[in-house]
Amino acid sequence: MDIEGLLLGKTEGFSNKTVLHIKTLYESFGDNKVFGRNAVMELLGLKSSGHPS
């Protein structure tokens, strides 16, 4: 499925960085795969906030 078509009209008010993250996640995981927080953080190069859960 085309991610651009899926996002059309749904990302108003989102930052460019957020839209890029959505596209990156979709390209890596698609629309039929379960993934967790650690996989997202690793893929996007994010670090833990250090706050306890």
N, C-alpha and C. Protein backbone atom coordinates (compact mmCIF):
# COMPACT_ATOMS: atom_id res chain seq x y z
N MET A 1 0.84 -1.18 0.00
CA MET A 1 0.00 0.00 0.00
C MET A 1 0.89 1.24 0.00
N ASP A 2 0.43 2.28 -0.61
CA ASP A 2 1.17 3.53 -0.73
C ASP A 2 1.01 4.37 0.52
N ILE A 3 2.11 4.60 1.24
CA ILE A 3 2.05 5.38 2.49
C ILE A 3 1.63 6.82 2.23
N GLU A 4 2.06 7.38 1.11
CA GLU A 4 1.67 8.76 0.78
C GLU A 4 0.15 8.87 0.68
N GLY A 5 -0.47 7.89 0.04
CA GLY A 5 -1.92 7.89 -0.10
C GLY A 5 -2.62 7.72 1.24
N LEU A 6 -2.05 6.88 2.10
CA LEU A 6 -2.63 6.67 3.43
C LEU A 6 -2.58 7.93 4.28
N LEU A 7 -1.50 8.68 4.16
CA LEU A 7 -1.31 9.86 4.99
C LEU A 7 -2.00 11.10 4.46
N LEU A 8 -2.39 11.08 3.20
CA LEU A 8 -2.98 12.26 2.57
C LEU A 8 -4.15 12.80 3.39
N GLY A 9 -4.02 14.03 3.84
CA GLY A 9 -5.07 14.69 4.60
C GLY A 9 -5.15 14.30 6.06
N LYS A 10 -4.25 13.43 6.52
CA LYS A 10 -4.31 12.96 7.91
C LYS A 10 -3.17 13.50 8.77
N THR A 11 -2.25 14.23 8.19
CA THR A 11 -1.09 14.68 8.95
C THR A 11 -1.06 16.19 9.14
N GLU A 12 -2.17 16.83 8.90
CA GLU A 12 -2.23 18.28 9.10
C GLU A 12 -1.92 18.60 10.56
N GLY A 13 -1.01 19.51 10.77
CA GLY A 13 -0.61 19.88 12.12
C GLY A 13 0.55 19.06 12.66
N PHE A 14 0.95 18.01 11.94
CA PHE A 14 2.09 17.21 12.36
C PHE A 14 3.36 17.91 11.89
N SER A 15 4.43 17.79 12.66
CA SER A 15 5.71 18.33 12.22
C SER A 15 6.27 17.46 11.10
N ASN A 16 7.16 18.03 10.32
CA ASN A 16 7.80 17.26 9.24
C ASN A 16 8.55 16.06 9.82
N LYS A 17 9.15 16.25 10.99
CA LYS A 17 9.90 15.16 11.63
C LYS A 17 8.97 14.00 12.00
N THR A 18 7.78 14.33 12.51
CA THR A 18 6.82 13.29 12.87
C THR A 18 6.36 12.52 11.63
N VAL A 19 6.08 13.23 10.55
CA VAL A 19 5.67 12.59 9.30
C VAL A 19 6.80 11.69 8.79
N LEU A 20 8.03 12.16 8.88
CA LEU A 20 9.17 11.35 8.46
C LEU A 20 9.27 10.08 9.31
N HIS A 21 9.04 10.20 10.62
CA HIS A 21 9.07 9.03 11.49
C HIS A 21 7.98 8.04 11.11
N ILE A 22 6.79 8.53 10.82
CA ILE A 22 5.69 7.66 10.40
C ILE A 22 6.06 6.90 9.14
N LYS A 23 6.62 7.61 8.17
CA LYS A 23 7.01 6.97 6.91
C LYS A 23 8.10 5.93 7.14
N THR A 24 9.08 6.26 7.98
CA THR A 24 10.17 5.33 8.28
C THR A 24 9.64 4.06 8.94
N LEU A 25 8.74 4.22 9.90
CA LEU A 25 8.14 3.06 10.57
C LEU A 25 7.35 2.21 9.59
N TYR A 26 6.59 2.85 8.73
CA TYR A 26 5.78 2.11 7.76
C TYR A 26 6.66 1.35 6.78
N GLU A 27 7.73 2.00 6.31
CA GLU A 27 8.63 1.34 5.37
C GLU A 27 9.30 0.13 6.00
N SER A 28 9.60 0.21 7.28
CA SER A 28 10.27 -0.89 7.96
C SER A 28 9.31 -2.00 8.40
N PHE A 29 8.16 -1.62 8.95
CA PHE A 29 7.25 -2.60 9.54
C PHE A 29 6.02 -2.90 8.69
N GLY A 30 5.70 -2.05 7.74
CA GLY A 30 4.52 -2.27 6.92
C GLY A 30 3.24 -2.07 7.72
N ASP A 31 2.16 -2.63 7.22
CA ASP A 31 0.88 -2.44 7.90
C ASP A 31 0.33 -3.74 8.49
N ASN A 32 1.16 -4.76 8.54
CA ASN A 32 0.67 -6.04 9.05
C ASN A 32 1.71 -6.70 9.96
N LYS A 33 2.35 -5.88 10.80
CA LYS A 33 3.37 -6.40 11.69
C LYS A 33 3.27 -5.71 13.04
N VAL A 34 3.39 -6.48 14.09
CA VAL A 34 3.38 -5.93 15.44
C VAL A 34 4.81 -5.58 15.83
N PHE A 35 4.99 -4.42 16.43
CA PHE A 35 6.32 -4.02 16.87
C PHE A 35 6.19 -3.28 18.19
N GLY A 36 7.27 -3.29 18.94
CA GLY A 36 7.25 -2.68 20.27
C GLY A 36 8.05 -1.39 20.34
N ARG A 37 8.02 -0.83 21.53
CA ARG A 37 8.69 0.45 21.79
C ARG A 37 10.18 0.38 21.50
N ASN A 38 10.83 -0.70 21.93
CA ASN A 38 12.27 -0.83 21.73
C ASN A 38 12.63 -0.85 20.25
N ALA A 39 11.83 -1.53 19.44
CA ALA A 39 12.09 -1.58 18.00
C ALA A 39 11.95 -0.19 17.38
N VAL A 40 10.95 0.57 17.83
CA VAL A 40 10.74 1.93 17.32
C VAL A 40 11.92 2.82 17.72
N MET A 41 12.31 2.75 18.97
CA MET A 41 13.42 3.57 19.45
C MET A 41 14.71 3.26 18.69
N GLU A 42 14.96 1.99 18.47
CA GLU A 42 16.18 1.59 17.75
C GLU A 42 16.14 2.07 16.31
N LEU A 43 15.03 1.85 15.63
CA LEU A 43 14.90 2.24 14.23
C LEU A 43 15.04 3.75 14.04
N LEU A 44 14.43 4.53 14.92
CA LEU A 44 14.44 5.99 14.78
C LEU A 44 15.62 6.65 15.49
N GLY A 45 16.44 5.85 16.17
CA GLY A 45 17.60 6.40 16.86
C GLY A 45 17.23 7.24 18.07
N LEU A 46 16.14 6.88 18.74
CA LEU A 46 15.68 7.62 19.91
C LEU A 46 16.30 7.04 21.17
N LYS A 47 16.45 7.89 22.18
CA LYS A 47 16.97 7.45 23.47
C LYS A 47 15.85 7.47 24.49
N SER A 48 15.99 6.64 25.50
CA SER A 48 15.01 6.58 26.58
C SER A 48 15.00 7.90 27.33
N SER A 49 13.83 8.31 27.76
CA SER A 49 13.71 9.57 28.50
C SER A 49 14.23 9.42 29.92
N GLY A 50 14.40 8.20 30.38
CA GLY A 50 14.89 7.96 31.72
C GLY A 50 13.81 7.99 32.77
N HIS A 51 12.57 8.26 32.37
CA HIS A 51 11.46 8.27 33.32
C HIS A 51 11.02 6.84 33.58
N PRO A 52 10.72 6.53 34.82
CA PRO A 52 10.22 5.18 35.11
C PRO A 52 8.84 4.97 34.52
N SER A 53 8.56 3.74 34.15
CA SER A 53 7.26 3.41 33.55
C SER A 53 6.17 3.38 34.57
